[in-house]
Amino acid sequence: MTRTMALYSIIPAFFLTPLLAAAQASESAYCSALSQKYTQYLDGENRLGRQPGNLGARAAVEKCKAGDTSGIPAIEKALKDAKIDLPSRQ
């Protein structure tokens, strides 16, 4: 009976692994798109005469560049607060 239970626990992992990888790739692409938009419109270093961008959002952009998607909410908030449309999540 233990062998059957082990097989049942492996089968879902086999099918879920590609789905999880695709979701992570999608999140990473979205994070990159958000970062590009933030840098283009809100990054103070790129705009003469403007105040520096939100430090939390700038840190989130750096996280995205490093492959850490946990910064997505901070960048989304900064863009929404500036009334800039978010890129589509694909």
C-alpha atoms as a PDB file:
ATOM      1  CA  MET A   1       0.000   0.000   0.000  1.00  0.00           C
ATOM      2  CA  THR A   2       2.881   2.415   0.665  1.00  0.00           C
ATOM      3  CA  ARG A   3       4.197   1.942  -2.847  1.00  0.00           C
ATOM      4  CA  THR A   4       0.822   2.908  -4.320  1.00  0.00           C
ATOM      5  CA  MET A   5       0.616   5.985  -2.103  1.00  0.00           C
ATOM      6  CA  ALA A   6       4.108   7.036  -3.174  1.00  0.00           C
ATOM      7  CA  LEU A   7       3.094   6.691  -6.817  1.00  0.00           C
ATOM      8  CA  TYR A   8       0.017   8.846  -6.239  1.00  0.00           C
ATOM      9  CA  SER A   9       2.124  11.565  -4.664  1.00  0.00           C
ATOM     10  CA  ILE A  10       4.608  11.577  -7.566  1.00  0.00           C
ATOM     11  CA  ILE A  11       2.033  11.777 -10.357  1.00  0.00           C
ATOM     12  CA  PRO A  12       0.615  15.217  -9.400  1.00  0.00           C
ATOM     13  CA  ALA A  13       4.138  16.610  -8.997  1.00  0.00           C
ATOM     14  CA  PHE A  14       5.001  15.344 -12.477  1.00  0.00           C
ATOM     15  CA  PHE A  15       2.082  17.239 -14.011  1.00  0.00           C
ATOM     16  CA  LEU A  16       2.332  20.367 -11.862  1.00  0.00           C
ATOM     17  CA  THR A  17       6.039  21.046 -12.361  1.00  0.00           C
ATOM     18  CA  PRO A  18       5.702  22.406 -15.938  1.00  0.00           C
ATOM     19  CA  LEU A  19       2.728  24.536 -14.875  1.00  0.00           C
ATOM     20  CA  LEU A  20       4.658  26.036 -11.989  1.00  0.00           C
ATOM     21  CA  ALA A  21       7.656  26.743 -14.211  1.00  0.00           C
ATOM     22  CA  ALA A  22       5.431  28.507 -16.735  1.00  0.00           C
ATOM     23  CA  ALA A  23       3.820  30.587 -13.990  1.00  0.00           C
ATOM     24  CA  GLN A  24       7.230  31.625 -12.669  1.00  0.00           C
ATOM     25  CA  ALA A  25       8.391  32.594 -16.163  1.00  0.00           C
ATOM     26  CA  SER A  26       5.221  34.615 -16.646  1.00  0.00           C
ATOM     27  CA  GLU A  27       5.717  36.411 -13.314  1.00  0.00           C
ATOM     28  CA  SER A  28       9.318  37.134 -14.216  1.00  0.00           C
ATOM     29  CA  ALA A  29       8.312  38.601 -17.598  1.00  0.00           C
ATOM     30  CA  TYR A  30       5.629  40.733 -15.925  1.00  0.00           C
ATOM     31  CA  CYS A  31       8.124  41.935 -13.319  1.00  0.00           C
ATOM     32  CA  SER A  32      10.513  42.908 -16.102  1.00  0.00           C
ATOM     33  CA  ALA A  33       7.785  44.786 -17.985  1.00  0.00           C
ATOM     34  CA  LEU A  34       6.814  46.663 -14.810  1.00  0.00           C
ATOM     35  CA  SER A  35      10.460  47.549 -14.166  1.00  0.00           C
ATOM     36  CA  GLN A  36      10.906  48.888 -17.680  1.00  0.00           C
ATOM     37  CA  LYS A  37       7.805  51.027 -17.395  1.00  0.00           C
ATOM     38  CA  TYR A  38       8.827  52.334 -13.973  1.00  0.00           C
ATOM     39  CA  THR A  39      12.312  53.192 -15.247  1.00  0.00           C
ATOM     40  CA  GLN A  40      10.916  54.880 -18.349  1.00  0.00           C
ATOM     41  CA  TYR A  41       8.347  57.059 -16.582  1.00  0.00           C
ATOM     42  CA  LEU A  42       9.192  57.390 -12.907  1.00  0.00           C
ATOM     43  CA  ASP A  43      12.876  56.809 -12.253  1.00  0.00           C
ATOM     44  CA  GLY A  44      14.163  60.169 -11.004  1.00  0.00           C
ATOM     45  CA  GLU A  45      17.694  59.515 -12.194  1.00  0.00           C
ATOM     46  CA  ASN A  46      16.481  59.426 -15.784  1.00  0.00           C
ATOM     47  CA  ARG A  47      14.448  62.623 -15.569  1.00  0.00           C
ATOM     48  CA  LEU A  48      16.230  65.941 -15.152  1.00  0.00           C
ATOM     49  CA  GLY A  49      14.608  68.324 -12.717  1.00  0.00           C
ATOM     50  CA  ARG A  50      12.351  65.685 -11.180  1.00  0.00           C
ATOM     51  CA  GLN A  51      12.461  64.308  -7.695  1.00  0.00           C
ATOM     52  CA  PRO A  52      13.943  60.855  -7.223  1.00  0.00           C
ATOM     53  CA  GLY A  53      11.515  57.976  -7.549  1.00  0.00           C
ATOM     54  CA  ASN A  54      10.012  56.065  -4.666  1.00  0.00           C
ATOM     55  CA  LEU A  55      12.858  54.262  -2.876  1.00  0.00           C
ATOM     56  CA  GLY A  56      10.702  51.207  -2.181  1.00  0.00           C
ATOM     57  CA  ALA A  57       9.752  50.930  -5.829  1.00  0.00           C
ATOM     58  CA  ARG A  58      13.337  51.434  -6.933  1.00  0.00           C
ATOM     59  CA  ALA A  59      14.418  48.620  -4.600  1.00  0.00           C
ATOM     60  CA  ALA A  60      11.638  46.469  -6.087  1.00  0.00           C
ATOM     61  CA  VAL A  61      12.954  47.201  -9.590  1.00  0.00           C
ATOM     62  CA  GLU A  62      16.372  45.989  -8.497  1.00  0.00           C
ATOM     63  CA  LYS A  63      14.752  42.823  -7.097  1.00  0.00           C
ATOM     64  CA  CYS A  64      13.066  42.204 -10.441  1.00  0.00           C
ATOM     65  CA  LYS A  65      16.365  42.663 -12.254  1.00  0.00           C
ATOM     66  CA  ALA A  66      17.832  40.006  -9.945  1.00  0.00           C
ATOM     67  CA  GLY A  67      14.982  37.604 -10.712  1.00  0.00           C
ATOM     68  CA  ASP A  68      13.047  38.157  -7.452  1.00  0.00           C
ATOM     69  CA  THR A  69       9.393  38.812  -8.289  1.00  0.00           C
ATOM     70  CA  SER A  70       8.419  39.804  -4.737  1.00  0.00           C
ATOM     71  CA  GLY A  71       8.782  43.456  -5.740  1.00  0.00           C
ATOM     72  CA  ILE A  72       5.805  43.374  -8.122  1.00  0.00           C
ATOM     73  CA  PRO A  73       3.271  44.936  -5.693  1.00  0.00           C
ATOM     74  CA  ALA A  74       5.538  47.920  -4.917  1.00  0.00           C
ATOM     75  CA  ILE A  75       6.125  48.701  -8.583  1.00  0.00           C
ATOM     76  CA  GLU A  76       2.431  48.255  -9.401  1.00  0.00           C
ATOM     77  CA  LYS A  77       1.518  50.687  -6.622  1.00  0.00           C
ATOM     78  CA  ALA A  78       4.038  53.296  -7.783  1.00  0.00           C
ATOM     79  CA  LEU A  79       2.742  53.117 -11.350  1.00  0.00           C
ATOM     80  CA  LYS A  80      -0.916  53.208 -10.258  1.00  0.00           C
ATOM     81  CA  ASP A  81      -0.251  56.182  -7.957  1.00  0.00           C
ATOM     82  CA  ALA A  82       1.290  58.011 -10.926  1.00  0.00           C
ATOM     83  CA  LYS A  83      -1.771  57.055 -13.021  1.00  0.00           C
ATOM     84  CA  ILE A  84       0.342  55.058 -15.447  1.00  0.00           C
ATOM     85  CA  ASP A  85      -1.297  52.010 -17.022  1.00  0.00           C
ATOM     86  CA  LEU A  86       0.177  48.696 -15.981  1.00  0.00           C
ATOM     87  CA  PRO A  87       1.479  46.332 -18.640  1.00  0.00           C
ATOM     88  CA  SER A  88      -0.704  43.332 -19.366  1.00  0.00           C
ATOM     89  CA  ARG A  89      -0.080  40.105 -17.502  1.00  0.00           C
ATOM     90  CA  GLN A  90       0.331  37.384 -20.079  1.00  0.00           C
END
